[in-house]
Amino acid sequence: MRNCVSCGRSIAWDANVCPYCGHDYRFQGMAPQQAQVSEGMKILLYIVSFLIPLAGFIIGAVYYTKPEHEFRELGKMCIILALVAVLLGALCWIPMFIL
């Protein structure tokens, strides 16, 4: 018996496919490609996060839950930019109600 590299469950040593998660061991020769986000896409997501804070929170949550470090950093920055936009908006509106 061995543990599946994808889900961690115990599977037969000679199994070609994990019966639990479907990880295929027949294509071991091909290394998985590291997922990346282009710089242009990052900038676009940052701008959207700042201009539309709700979208920034959603984008941030989606990317922050991914296991890759690059995605987690992107998600964290989108959430921070959305928070900054909300705080700046609140600071701009509060004086109008005080006067």
Protein backbone atom coordinates (compact mmCIF):
# COMPACT_ATOMS: atom_id res chain seq x y z
CA MET A 1 0.00 0.00 0.00
CA ARG A 2 1.06 3.61 -0.59
CA ASN A 3 -0.44 7.04 -0.02
CA CYS A 4 -1.86 9.02 -2.93
CA VAL A 5 0.19 12.15 -3.60
CA SER A 6 -2.99 14.11 -4.33
CA CYS A 7 -5.45 13.18 -1.57
CA GLY A 8 -3.24 11.27 0.88
CA ARG A 9 -5.45 8.20 1.14
CA SER A 10 -4.04 4.70 1.11
CA ILE A 11 -4.16 3.01 -2.32
CA ALA A 12 -2.76 -0.19 -3.83
CA TRP A 13 0.89 -0.03 -4.85
CA ASP A 14 0.14 -1.01 -8.46
CA ALA A 15 -2.87 1.33 -8.91
CA ASN A 16 -2.73 3.47 -12.05
CA VAL A 17 -5.48 5.83 -10.87
CA CYS A 18 -6.46 6.77 -7.32
CA PRO A 19 -10.01 5.45 -6.72
CA TYR A 20 -10.77 8.35 -4.35
CA CYS A 21 -9.58 11.49 -6.15
CA GLY A 22 -8.80 10.21 -9.67
CA HIS A 23 -5.11 11.21 -9.69
CA ASP A 24 -3.54 9.48 -12.69
CA TYR A 25 -0.12 7.90 -12.07
CA ARG A 26 0.38 6.80 -15.69
CA PHE A 27 1.73 10.19 -16.77
CA GLN A 28 4.53 10.53 -14.22
CA GLY A 29 7.06 11.58 -16.87
CA MET A 30 5.47 14.99 -17.39
CA ALA A 31 6.20 17.48 -14.65
CA PRO A 32 3.26 19.69 -13.65
CA GLN A 33 3.57 23.29 -14.73
CA GLN A 34 3.64 25.97 -12.08
CA ALA A 35 0.55 28.15 -12.33
CA GLN A 36 1.37 31.81 -12.90
CA VAL A 37 -0.48 35.08 -13.26
CA SER A 38 0.92 37.61 -15.69
CA GLU A 39 1.97 41.05 -14.45
CA GLY A 40 -0.71 42.70 -16.60
CA MET A 41 -3.42 40.51 -15.08
CA LYS A 42 -2.18 41.30 -11.57
CA ILE A 43 -2.35 45.04 -12.25
CA LEU A 44 -5.86 44.68 -13.69
CA LEU A 45 -7.02 42.71 -10.64
CA TYR A 46 -5.47 45.31 -8.32
CA ILE A 47 -7.25 48.16 -10.13
CA VAL A 48 -10.58 46.31 -10.07
CA SER A 49 -10.11 45.53 -6.37
CA PHE A 50 -9.56 49.19 -5.58
CA LEU A 51 -12.34 50.60 -7.77
CA ILE A 52 -14.92 47.92 -6.91
CA PRO A 53 -14.20 46.78 -3.34
CA LEU A 54 -16.83 44.02 -3.32
CA ALA A 55 -15.20 42.48 -6.39
CA GLY A 56 -11.83 42.89 -4.66
CA PHE A 57 -13.01 40.93 -1.63
CA ILE A 58 -14.37 38.15 -3.87
CA ILE A 59 -11.26 38.01 -6.07
CA GLY A 60 -9.06 38.07 -2.98
CA ALA A 61 -10.96 35.25 -1.30
CA VAL A 62 -10.81 33.08 -4.42
CA TYR A 63 -7.08 33.54 -4.94
CA TYR A 64 -6.19 33.40 -1.24
CA THR A 65 -7.67 29.91 -0.89
CA LYS A 66 -5.42 28.48 -3.62
CA PRO A 67 -2.35 26.55 -2.39
CA GLU A 68 0.25 28.30 -4.60
CA HIS A 69 2.21 31.06 -2.84
CA GLU A 70 1.89 33.46 -5.79
CA PHE A 71 -1.91 33.15 -5.76
CA ARG A 72 -2.08 33.65 -1.99
CA GLU A 73 -0.04 36.85 -2.26
CA LEU A 74 -2.27 38.11 -5.09
CA GLY A 75 -5.39 37.36 -3.05
CA LYS A 76 -4.00 39.09 0.02
CA MET A 77 -3.14 42.22 -1.95
CA CYS A 78 -6.62 42.34 -3.54
CA ILE A 79 -8.23 42.14 -0.10
CA ILE A 80 -5.93 44.87 1.24
CA LEU A 81 -6.71 47.16 -1.71
CA ALA A 82 -10.44 46.59 -1.24
CA LEU A 83 -10.13 47.46 2.46
CA VAL A 84 -8.16 50.62 1.65
CA ALA A 85 -10.82 51.66 -0.87
CA VAL A 86 -13.60 51.14 1.68
CA LEU A 87 -11.72 53.12 4.34
CA LEU A 88 -10.95 55.98 1.95
CA GLY A 89 -14.57 56.05 0.86
CA ALA A 90 -15.72 56.18 4.47
CA LEU A 91 -13.28 58.99 5.25
CA CYS A 92 -14.63 60.99 2.31
CA TRP A 93 -18.28 60.49 3.27
CA ILE A 94 -18.10 60.97 7.04
CA PRO A 95 -17.34 64.74 6.94
CA MET A 96 -20.39 65.29 4.74
CA PHE A 97 -22.67 63.92 7.47
CA ILE A 98 -20.96 65.82 10.27
CA LEU A 99 -21.46 69.22 8.64
